[in-house]
C-alpha atoms as a PDB file:
ATOM      1  CA  MET A   1      36.121-156.599 161.705  1.00  0.00           C
ATOM      2  CA  PHE A   2      39.064-159.004 161.952  1.00  0.00           C
ATOM      3  CA  PRO A   3      42.711-158.084 161.323  1.00  0.00           C
ATOM      4  CA  PRO A   4      44.331-159.113 158.037  1.00  0.00           C
ATOM      5  CA  VAL A   5      45.945-162.541 157.723  1.00  0.00           C
ATOM      6  CA  THR A   6      49.405-163.326 156.418  1.00  0.00           C
ATOM      7  CA  PRO A   7      50.110-164.451 152.860  1.00  0.00           C
ATOM      8  CA  LYS A   8      51.135-167.827 154.341  1.00  0.00           C
ATOM      9  CA  GLU A   9      47.679-168.202 155.892  1.00  0.00           C
ATOM     10  CA  VAL A  10      46.081-167.511 152.515  1.00  0.00           C
ATOM     11  CA  ASP A  11      48.494-170.014 150.920  1.00  0.00           C
ATOM     12  CA  ALA A  12      47.333-172.623 153.461  1.00  0.00           C
ATOM     13  CA  ALA A  13      43.680-171.862 152.659  1.00  0.00           C
ATOM     14  CA  GLU A  14      44.371-172.191 148.925  1.00  0.00           C
ATOM     15  CA  SER A  15      46.064-175.518 149.555  1.00  0.00           C
ATOM     16  CA  ILE A  16      42.928-176.828 151.280  1.00  0.00           C
ATOM     17  CA  ILE A  17      40.614-175.393 148.619  1.00  0.00           C
ATOM     18  CA  GLY A  18      42.824-176.738 145.857  1.00  0.00           C
ATOM     19  CA  ARG A  19      42.697-173.517 143.847  1.00  0.00           C
ATOM     20  CA  PRO A  20      44.146-170.017 144.118  1.00  0.00           C
ATOM     21  CA  LEU A  21      41.937-167.201 145.343  1.00  0.00           C
ATOM     22  CA  PRO A  22      41.290-164.315 142.974  1.00  0.00           C
ATOM     23  CA  GLU A  23      44.056-161.744 143.461  1.00  0.00           C
ATOM     24  CA  LEU A  24      41.544-159.128 144.631  1.00  0.00           C
ATOM     25  CA  LEU A  25      40.209-161.445 147.349  1.00  0.00           C
ATOM     26  CA  ARG A  26      43.748-162.379 148.394  1.00  0.00           C
ATOM     27  CA  ARG A  27      44.594-158.682 148.774  1.00  0.00           C
ATOM     28  CA  ILE A  28      41.436-158.036 150.803  1.00  0.00           C
ATOM     29  CA  TYR A  29      42.304-160.813 153.241  1.00  0.00           C
ATOM     30  CA  THR A  30      45.979-159.816 153.571  1.00  0.00           C
ATOM     31  CA  GLU A  31      45.675-156.011 153.421  1.00  0.00           C
ATOM     32  CA  VAL A  32      42.183-155.049 154.631  1.00  0.00           C
ATOM     33  CA  GLY A  33      40.861-157.695 157.001  1.00  0.00           C
ATOM     34  CA  ASN A  34      39.949-161.321 157.517  1.00  0.00           C
ATOM     35  CA  GLY A  35      36.242-160.901 156.861  1.00  0.00           C
ATOM     36  CA  GLY A  36      33.394-159.479 158.878  1.00  0.00           C
ATOM     37  CA  PHE A  37      32.800-156.526 156.539  1.00  0.00           C
ATOM     38  CA  GLY A  38      31.467-156.194 153.037  1.00  0.00           C
ATOM     39  CA  PRO A  39      28.325-156.979 151.109  1.00  0.00           C
ATOM     40  CA  ASP A  40      25.263-158.539 152.699  1.00  0.00           C
ATOM     41  CA  ALA A  41      26.193-160.297 155.972  1.00  0.00           C
ATOM     42  CA  GLY A  42      29.920-159.498 155.595  1.00  0.00           C
ATOM     43  CA  LEU A  43      32.646-161.588 154.004  1.00  0.00           C
ATOM     44  CA  ALA A  44      33.479-164.905 155.613  1.00  0.00           C
ATOM     45  CA  SER A  45      36.954-165.213 157.082  1.00  0.00           C
ATOM     46  CA  VAL A  46      39.603-167.190 155.240  1.00  0.00           C
ATOM     47  CA  THR A  47      40.761-168.753 158.526  1.00  0.00           C
ATOM     48  CA  GLY A  48      38.604-170.375 161.192  1.00  0.00           C
ATOM     49  CA  GLY A  49      38.204-169.414 164.809  1.00  0.00           C
ATOM     50  CA  GLN A  50      37.306-165.736 164.328  1.00  0.00           C
ATOM     51  CA  ARG A  51      34.711-164.552 166.826  1.00  0.00           C
ATOM     52  CA  ALA A  52      33.178-161.095 166.895  1.00  0.00           C
ATOM     53  CA  SER A  53      32.891-159.369 170.240  1.00  0.00           C
ATOM     54  CA  GLY A  54      29.634-160.339 171.929  1.00  0.00           C
ATOM     55  CA  HIS A  55      28.939-163.270 169.589  1.00  0.00           C
ATOM     56  CA  LEU A  56      28.520-166.815 170.874  1.00  0.00           C
ATOM     57  CA  THR A  57      29.697-168.572 167.722  1.00  0.00           C
ATOM     58  CA  ASP A  58      32.626-168.208 165.351  1.00  0.00           C
ATOM     59  CA  TRP A  59      32.335-166.075 162.244  1.00  0.00           C
ATOM     60  CA  PRO A  60      31.775-168.150 159.072  1.00  0.00           C
ATOM     61  CA  CYS A  61      34.969-169.422 157.462  1.00  0.00           C
ATOM     62  CA  SER A  62      35.011-169.712 153.670  1.00  0.00           C
ATOM     63  CA  VAL A  63      37.457-172.642 153.744  1.00  0.00           C
ATOM     64  CA  LEU A  64      35.404-174.664 156.240  1.00  0.00           C
ATOM     65  CA  ARG A  65      32.225-173.886 154.287  1.00  0.00           C
ATOM     66  CA  HIS A  66      33.985-174.897 151.075  1.00  0.00           C
ATOM     67  CA  GLU A  67      34.795-178.309 152.524  1.00  0.00           C
ATOM     68  CA  CYS A  68      31.209-178.825 153.752  1.00  0.00           C
ATOM     69  CA  ASN A  69      29.801-177.649 150.415  1.00  0.00           C
ATOM     70  CA  ARG A  70      32.196-179.919 148.510  1.00  0.00           C
ATOM     71  CA  ALA A  71      31.004-182.889 150.565  1.00  0.00           C
ATOM     72  CA  ALA A  72      27.410-181.896 149.774  1.00  0.00           C
ATOM     73  CA  GLY A  73      28.153-181.960 146.036  1.00  0.00           C
ATOM     74  CA  LEU A  74      28.721-178.301 145.166  1.00  0.00           C
ATOM     75  CA  PRO A  75      31.407-177.598 142.567  1.00  0.00           C
ATOM     76  CA  THR A  76      34.877-177.262 144.069  1.00  0.00           C
ATOM     77  CA  SER A  77      35.340-174.102 142.007  1.00  0.00           C
ATOM     78  CA  TRP A  78      32.688-172.260 144.086  1.00  0.00           C
ATOM     79  CA  LEU A  79      33.980-170.510 147.200  1.00  0.00           C
ATOM     80  CA  TYR A  80      31.534-169.282 149.836  1.00  0.00           C
ATOM     81  CA  LEU A  81      31.713-165.512 150.398  1.00  0.00           C
ATOM     82  CA  THR A  82      28.758-164.652 152.658  1.00  0.00           C
ATOM     83  CA  SER A  83      25.191-165.460 153.543  1.00  0.00           C
ATOM     84  CA  GLY A  84      22.439-163.857 151.541  1.00  0.00           C
ATOM     85  CA  GLY A  85      19.853-164.671 154.184  1.00  0.00           C
ATOM     86  CA  CYS A  86      17.449-167.597 154.562  1.00  0.00           C
ATOM     87  CA  THR A  87      18.743-170.247 152.154  1.00  0.00           C
ATOM     88  CA  MET A  88      20.674-167.873 149.873  1.00  0.00           C
ATOM     89  CA  GLU A  89      24.468-167.700 149.704  1.00  0.00           C
ATOM     90  CA  TRP A  90      26.958-165.690 147.687  1.00  0.00           C
ATOM     91  CA  HIS A  91      29.859-167.671 146.177  1.00  0.00           C
ATOM     92  CA  VAL A  92      32.705-166.624 143.928  1.00  0.00           C
ATOM     93  CA  SER A  93      33.684-168.750 140.947  1.00  0.00           C
ATOM     94  CA  LEU A  94      37.375-169.594 141.182  1.00  0.00           C
ATOM     95  CA  LEU A  95      37.507-170.826 137.575  1.00  0.00           C
ATOM     96  CA  ALA A  96      35.395-168.544 135.389  1.00  0.00           C
ATOM     97  CA  ALA A  97      36.943-165.464 133.800  1.00  0.00           C
ATOM     98  CA  ASP A  98      36.696-162.364 136.021  1.00  0.00           C
ATOM     99  CA  ASN A  99      35.500-164.524 138.942  1.00  0.00           C
ATOM    100  CA  PRO A 100      31.740-163.880 138.807  1.00  0.00           C
ATOM    101  CA  VAL A 101      29.864-163.885 142.104  1.00  0.00           C
ATOM    102  CA  LEU A 102      27.054-166.424 142.185  1.00  0.00           C
ATOM    103  CA  LEU A 103      23.828-166.097 144.137  1.00  0.00           C
ATOM    104  CA  TYR A 104      22.985-169.642 145.125  1.00  0.00           C
ATOM    105  CA  ASP A 105      19.858-171.030 146.787  1.00  0.00           C
ATOM    106  CA  THR A 106      20.813-174.019 148.942  1.00  0.00           C
ATOM    107  CA  ASP A 107      17.226-175.293 148.660  1.00  0.00           C
ATOM    108  CA  GLY A 108      17.170-174.702 144.911  1.00  0.00           C
ATOM    109  CA  TRP A 109      18.199-178.153 143.761  1.00  0.00           C
ATOM    110  CA  VAL A 110      17.108-181.688 144.516  1.00  0.00           C
ATOM    111  CA  PRO A 111      19.817-184.287 143.892  1.00  0.00           C
ATOM    112  CA  SER A 112      17.299-187.162 144.057  1.00  0.00           C
ATOM    113  CA  TRP A 113      15.539-185.631 141.025  1.00  0.00           C
ATOM    114  CA  GLY A 114      18.775-185.816 139.065  1.00  0.00           C
ATOM    115  CA  GLU A 115      19.475-182.098 139.438  1.00  0.00           C
ATOM    116  CA  ASP A 116      22.941-180.722 140.024  1.00  0.00           C
ATOM    117  CA  PRO A 117      23.839-177.675 142.145  1.00  0.00           C
ATOM    118  CA  HIS A 118      23.652-175.396 139.100  1.00  0.00           C
ATOM    119  CA  ALA A 119      19.849-175.711 139.378  1.00  0.00           C
ATOM    120  CA  GLY A 120      20.168-173.632 142.573  1.00  0.00           C
ATOM    121  CA  LEU A 121      21.897-170.697 140.869  1.00  0.00           C
ATOM    122  CA  ARG A 122      19.685-167.632 140.898  1.00  0.00           C
ATOM    123  CA  TYR A 123      22.008-164.932 139.570  1.00  0.00           C
ATOM    124  CA  ALA A 124      25.622-164.214 138.665  1.00  0.00           C
ATOM    125  CA  THR A 125      27.411-160.874 138.657  1.00  0.00           C
ATOM    126  CA  ALA A 126      29.895-160.045 135.939  1.00  0.00           C
ATOM    127  CA  SER A 127      32.847-160.175 138.342  1.00  0.00           C
ATOM    128  CA  LEU A 128      34.011-160.180 141.943  1.00  0.00           C
ATOM    129  CA  ARG A 129      35.370-156.685 141.359  1.00  0.00           C
ATOM    130  CA  LYS A 130      31.957-155.405 140.219  1.00  0.00           C
ATOM    131  CA  TRP A 131      30.151-157.058 143.162  1.00  0.00           C
ATOM    132  CA  LEU A 132      32.570-155.534 145.680  1.00  0.00           C
ATOM    133  CA  TRP A 133      32.551-152.160 143.926  1.00  0.00           C
ATOM    134  CA  THR A 134      28.747-152.025 144.133  1.00  0.00           C
ATOM    135  CA  TRP A 135      28.987-152.417 147.907  1.00  0.00           C
ATOM    136  CA  ALA A 136      31.990-150.092 148.350  1.00  0.00           C
ATOM    137  CA  ASN A 137      30.237-147.402 146.333  1.00  0.00           C
ATOM    138  CA  GLY A 138      27.215-147.517 148.661  1.00  0.00           C
ATOM    139  CA  GLY A 139      25.102-149.705 146.406  1.00  0.00           C
ATOM    140  CA  GLU A 140      23.055-152.771 147.200  1.00  0.00           C
ATOM    141  CA  VAL A 141      24.345-156.084 145.787  1.00  0.00           C
ATOM    142  CA  TRP A 142      20.791-157.434 145.751  1.00  0.00           C
ATOM    143  CA  ALA A 143      19.431-154.638 143.550  1.00  0.00           C
ATOM    144  CA  GLU A 144      20.842-156.009 140.313  1.00  0.00           C
ATOM    145  CA  ALA A 145      19.930-159.605 141.179  1.00  0.00           C
ATOM    146  CA  LEU A 146      16.339-158.678 142.023  1.00  0.00           C
ATOM    147  CA  SER A 147      15.871-156.542 138.915  1.00  0.00           C
ATOM    148  CA  LEU A 148      16.335-159.672 136.837  1.00  0.00           C
ATOM    149  CA  ALA A 149      13.504-161.541 138.575  1.00  0.00           C
END
């Protein structure tokens, strides 16, 4: 939906996040587009200020969400990818091998009970590549997650 960004813009995003993006995600942002397409609600942009035609608000920005989520106590190694609807979100792990995609329920943990954000995890794919391939191949990213319930 939005044109690709430059490698320098991705470098700036990585500087704010404090970690490099997975190479596949970097290539998507610099070669395909700056979000607005992809699984579920569509990938968040890596830069802020993107607005789809006819929309009243900006498209979600993974870097801005990362900073809000960090302040709320989520691990800094989780990067927001897209909304899963209601209180569900898809994040990619920037530290784990193969960068699994995490299905996270924002209402799934209660810090005052001594829980940490991991209590809100509902599912993890094997890798970012697998999650994106499921979508690109016409599949439903929720199908695997729901079959485990």
